[in-house]
Amino acid sequence: MAGRRARTGRGWDASPPRTGDGTTTPRARRHRRGHAEETDPEAPTGTPRDEAELAREICLRQLAVRPRTRAELAGALAKRGISEEVSAEVLDRYDEVGIIDDAAFARAWVSSRHAGRGLARRALANELRQRGVDGEVASEALGELDEETEAETARALVERKLRSARGEPDAVFRRLVAMLARKGYPPGVAIRAVKDALAAQSAEAAEFAEQIDADALADAEGDPDRDSRSLG
């Protein structure tokens, strides 16, 4: 019977009420439309206010995972079809209240990635650039990582790897220099760190290390930072 749920052999028939011609009633259509809106809260309804609300929800979900730069959030909003105007409005507001702060993000990123992964300034600068951090902002954050700290970290990385390193000193030397290069260390820093660590490891390694001319090798590798350090 129309408008009532009928008992069937398999249980209650939960189909929406229908009119005499087989179509659903206006009440059923309103119920179905309301249910769809509840199960898809991100679906924009077309008004600027709704789009801004959706933009804020997207941003907050992104920020719940980890801190984000303004550029990262703008990219996430663009992928969800948020207009540039609404995106700028929401992100400007987040800038004002400090929810997003690229300078703070860059400082935290440099500190955590250097301490956790041992990345040097060159690699860190590339990561910040990929995340849309302004060059001047990135430079300021990278300036907090001085050359002495970078050299100490390189040495610590080498000493840790040396504990399990196998092979002839020359092969170990090449592998460790390559490891530091992948982490962004300039050739001069990498070569000197490995040479010093080998010299302290064993008599055989020390003899090999004595033959290494770190400056000459750095020049051969084209170390762009060596000249700037010697002039500083």
Protein backbone atom coordinates (compact mmCIF):
# COMPACT_ATOMS: atom_id res chain seq x y z
CA MET A 1 0.00 0.00 0.00
CA ALA A 2 1.32 3.45 -0.96
CA GLY A 3 2.82 5.52 1.85
CA ARG A 4 3.25 2.44 4.13
CA ARG A 5 6.00 -0.11 4.52
CA ALA A 6 4.67 -3.51 3.56
CA ARG A 7 5.66 -6.79 5.19
CA THR A 8 7.42 -9.04 2.66
CA GLY A 9 8.79 -12.54 2.82
CA ARG A 10 12.27 -11.14 3.49
CA GLY A 11 11.18 -8.53 6.08
CA TRP A 12 9.96 -4.98 5.97
CA ASP A 13 10.02 -3.17 2.64
CA ALA A 14 11.89 0.11 3.38
CA SER A 15 11.27 1.61 -0.07
CA PRO A 16 10.26 5.29 0.00
CA PRO A 17 6.56 6.05 -0.34
CA ARG A 18 5.32 6.27 -3.91
CA THR A 19 2.38 7.95 -5.63
CA GLY A 20 -0.18 6.12 -7.63
CA ASP A 21 1.82 6.45 -10.86
CA GLY A 22 4.89 4.80 -9.29
CA THR A 23 6.96 7.94 -8.69
CA THR A 24 8.28 8.90 -5.26
CA THR A 25 6.34 11.48 -3.29
CA PRO A 26 7.72 15.02 -2.78
CA ARG A 27 8.29 14.18 0.88
CA ALA A 28 10.39 11.14 -0.08
CA ARG A 29 12.41 13.19 -2.57
CA ARG A 30 13.11 15.81 0.11
CA HIS A 31 14.17 13.09 2.54
CA ARG A 32 16.52 11.51 -0.03
CA ARG A 33 18.02 14.88 -0.95
CA GLY A 34 18.55 15.77 2.70
CA HIS A 35 20.24 12.41 3.35
CA ALA A 36 22.63 12.98 0.44
CA GLU A 37 23.62 16.35 1.82
CA GLU A 38 24.35 14.79 5.22
CA THR A 39 26.56 12.05 3.78
CA ASP A 40 28.53 14.48 1.60
CA PRO A 41 29.18 17.54 3.78
CA GLU A 42 31.95 18.78 1.46
CA ALA A 43 29.73 19.19 -1.55
CA PRO A 44 29.51 22.95 -2.30
CA THR A 45 26.01 24.30 -2.82
CA GLY A 46 27.15 27.09 -5.12
CA THR A 47 26.99 30.08 -2.78
CA PRO A 48 30.20 31.95 -1.81
CA ARG A 49 29.50 31.33 1.86
CA ASP A 50 29.29 27.58 1.35
CA GLU A 51 32.46 27.54 -0.74
CA ALA A 52 34.38 29.42 1.94
CA GLU A 53 33.12 27.01 4.59
CA LEU A 54 34.26 24.06 2.48
CA ALA A 55 37.66 25.75 1.96
CA ARG A 56 38.10 26.12 5.71
CA GLU A 57 37.21 22.48 6.29
CA ILE A 58 39.76 21.36 3.70
CA CYS A 59 42.47 23.51 5.26
CA LEU A 60 41.79 22.30 8.78
CA ARG A 61 41.94 18.66 7.70
CA GLN A 62 45.26 19.30 5.95
CA LEU A 63 46.65 21.07 9.02
CA ALA A 64 45.51 18.26 11.31
CA VAL A 65 47.97 15.93 9.59
CA ARG A 66 51.00 18.26 9.82
CA PRO A 67 51.82 21.97 9.50
CA ARG A 68 51.45 23.26 5.91
CA THR A 69 52.73 26.23 3.97
CA ARG A 70 50.36 28.66 2.35
CA ALA A 71 51.32 27.28 -1.07
CA GLU A 72 50.54 23.71 0.00
CA LEU A 73 47.09 24.72 1.25
CA ALA A 74 46.42 26.74 -1.89
CA GLY A 75 47.28 23.67 -3.96
CA ALA A 76 44.95 21.48 -1.93
CA LEU A 77 42.10 23.98 -2.37
CA ALA A 78 42.68 24.25 -6.11
CA LYS A 79 42.49 20.47 -6.46
CA ARG A 80 39.08 20.54 -4.77
CA GLY A 81 37.82 23.18 -7.16
CA ILE A 82 37.86 26.14 -4.77
CA SER A 83 38.05 29.43 -6.66
CA GLU A 84 41.20 31.56 -6.38
CA GLU A 85 39.20 34.41 -4.86
CA VAL A 86 37.75 32.31 -2.04
CA SER A 87 41.07 30.54 -1.52
CA ALA A 88 42.91 33.84 -1.11
CA GLU A 89 40.24 35.14 1.27
CA VAL A 90 40.44 32.08 3.54
CA LEU A 91 44.24 31.87 3.47
CA ASP A 92 44.62 35.60 4.13
CA ARG A 93 42.48 35.19 7.23
CA TYR A 94 44.54 32.20 8.38
CA ASP A 95 47.68 34.30 7.89
CA GLU A 96 46.22 37.07 10.05
CA VAL A 97 45.39 34.82 12.98
CA GLY A 98 48.60 32.79 12.71
CA ILE A 99 47.09 29.45 11.72
CA ILE A 100 49.56 29.36 8.83
CA ASP A 101 53.02 30.90 9.17
CA ASP A 102 55.58 30.09 6.48
CA ALA A 103 58.48 31.55 8.49
CA ALA A 104 57.67 29.38 11.52
CA PHE A 105 57.11 26.39 9.23
CA ALA A 106 60.53 26.87 7.61
CA ARG A 107 62.34 27.15 10.95
CA ALA A 108 60.65 24.03 12.31
CA TRP A 109 61.27 22.13 9.08
CA VAL A 110 65.01 22.96 9.06
CA SER A 111 65.40 22.02 12.72
CA SER A 112 63.49 18.73 12.56
CA ARG A 113 64.83 17.50 9.21
CA HIS A 114 68.43 18.29 10.13
CA ALA A 115 68.14 16.63 13.54
CA GLY A 116 66.07 13.67 12.36
CA ARG A 117 67.47 12.94 8.89
CA GLY A 118 70.80 14.73 9.03
CA LEU A 119 69.97 16.81 5.95
CA ALA A 120 72.31 19.66 5.04
CA ARG A 121 71.30 23.15 4.01
CA ARG A 122 71.37 22.36 0.30
CA ALA A 123 68.86 19.51 0.63
CA LEU A 124 66.73 21.50 3.08
CA ALA A 125 66.60 24.47 0.72
CA ASN A 126 65.32 22.19 -2.03
CA GLU A 127 62.61 20.74 0.22
CA LEU A 128 61.44 24.19 1.29
CA ARG A 129 61.33 25.32 -2.33
CA GLN A 130 59.19 22.29 -3.23
CA ARG A 131 56.75 23.30 -0.51
CA GLY A 132 56.40 26.81 -1.85
CA VAL A 133 58.38 28.67 0.83
CA ASP A 134 59.60 32.06 -0.37
CA GLY A 135 63.35 32.17 -1.04
CA GLU A 136 64.03 34.94 1.44
CA VAL A 137 62.02 33.20 4.15
CA ALA A 138 63.87 29.93 3.45
CA SER A 139 67.27 31.64 3.57
CA GLU A 140 66.49 33.15 6.96
CA ALA A 141 65.52 29.75 8.36
CA LEU A 142 68.56 28.04 6.85
CA GLY A 143 70.78 30.73 8.35
CA GLU A 144 70.05 29.28 11.78
CA LEU A 145 71.95 26.13 10.73
CA ASP A 146 75.60 27.23 10.86
CA GLU A 147 78.56 25.57 9.16
CA GLU A 148 79.99 24.19 12.39
CA THR A 149 76.74 22.40 13.25
CA GLU A 150 76.47 21.07 9.71
CA ALA A 151 80.05 19.69 9.83
CA GLU A 152 79.43 18.06 13.22
CA THR A 153 76.29 16.38 11.90
CA ALA A 154 78.16 15.09 8.84
CA ARG A 155 80.85 13.59 11.07
CA ALA A 156 78.22 11.94 13.32
CA LEU A 157 76.49 10.41 10.30
CA VAL A 158 79.77 8.98 9.04
CA GLU A 159 80.76 7.55 12.42
CA ARG A 160 77.38 5.83 12.71
CA LYS A 161 77.72 4.27 9.25
CA LEU A 162 81.31 3.21 9.88
CA ARG A 163 80.23 0.86 12.66
CA SER A 164 78.69 -1.50 10.12
CA ALA A 165 80.76 -0.59 7.04
CA ARG A 166 82.56 -3.45 5.27
CA GLY A 167 85.16 -3.41 2.50
CA GLU A 168 88.45 -1.77 1.62
CA PRO A 169 89.01 1.77 2.92
CA ASP A 170 88.81 3.31 -0.55
CA ALA A 171 85.43 1.66 -1.24
CA VAL A 172 84.11 2.67 2.17
CA PHE A 173 85.36 6.20 1.58
CA ARG A 174 83.46 6.52 -1.72
CA ARG A 175 80.23 5.12 -0.27
CA LEU A 176 80.26 7.45 2.71
CA VAL A 177 81.04 10.55 0.63
CA ALA A 178 78.18 9.59 -1.71
CA MET A 179 75.86 9.15 1.29
CA LEU A 180 76.62 12.65 2.52
CA ALA A 181 76.24 14.08 -0.98
CA ARG A 182 72.71 12.64 -1.18
CA LYS A 183 71.89 14.47 2.04
CA GLY A 184 73.04 17.75 0.53
CA TYR A 185 76.53 18.15 1.99
CA PRO A 186 79.03 20.00 -0.20
CA PRO A 187 81.98 17.87 -1.43
CA GLY A 188 84.49 19.63 0.84
CA VAL A 189 82.43 19.02 3.99
CA ALA A 190 81.69 15.41 3.03
CA ILE A 191 85.30 14.52 2.14
CA ARG A 192 86.75 16.04 5.29
CA ALA A 193 84.14 14.35 7.51
CA VAL A 194 84.88 10.91 6.03
CA LYS A 195 88.65 11.45 6.10
CA ASP A 196 88.60 12.41 9.79
CA ALA A 197 86.37 9.49 10.72
CA LEU A 198 88.53 6.99 8.83
CA ALA A 199 91.66 8.34 10.46
CA ALA A 200 90.21 7.50 13.87
CA GLN A 201 88.89 4.07 12.92
CA SER A 202 91.94 1.82 12.44
CA ALA A 203 95.60 1.86 11.45
CA GLU A 204 94.79 0.72 7.91
CA ALA A 205 92.02 3.31 7.50
CA ALA A 206 94.24 6.00 8.99
CA GLU A 207 96.99 5.21 6.52
CA PHE A 208 94.52 5.55 3.67
CA ALA A 209 93.11 8.78 5.10
CA GLU A 210 96.57 10.33 5.22
CA GLN A 211 96.75 10.08 1.43
CA ILE A 212 93.50 12.02 0.92
CA ASP A 213 93.88 15.64 -0.10
CA ALA A 214 90.45 16.95 0.90
CA ASP A 215 90.93 20.39 -0.70
CA ALA A 216 92.11 18.96 -4.01
CA LEU A 217 89.24 16.50 -4.14
CA ALA A 218 86.76 19.24 -3.29
CA ASP A 219 88.12 21.36 -6.13
CA ALA A 220 87.85 18.40 -8.49
CA GLU A 221 84.22 17.89 -7.44
CA GLY A 222 83.49 21.58 -8.03
CA ASP A 223 82.55 22.52 -4.46
CA PRO A 224 80.73 25.87 -4.85
CA ASP A 225 80.75 26.51 -1.10
CA ARG A 226 84.50 26.18 -0.59
CA ASP A 227 85.41 29.56 -2.04
CA SER A 228 82.69 31.36 -0.10
CA ARG A 229 83.91 29.75 3.14
CA SER A 230 87.52 30.74 2.49
CA LEU A 231 86.47 34.35 1.81
CA GLY A 232 84.25 34.58 4.89
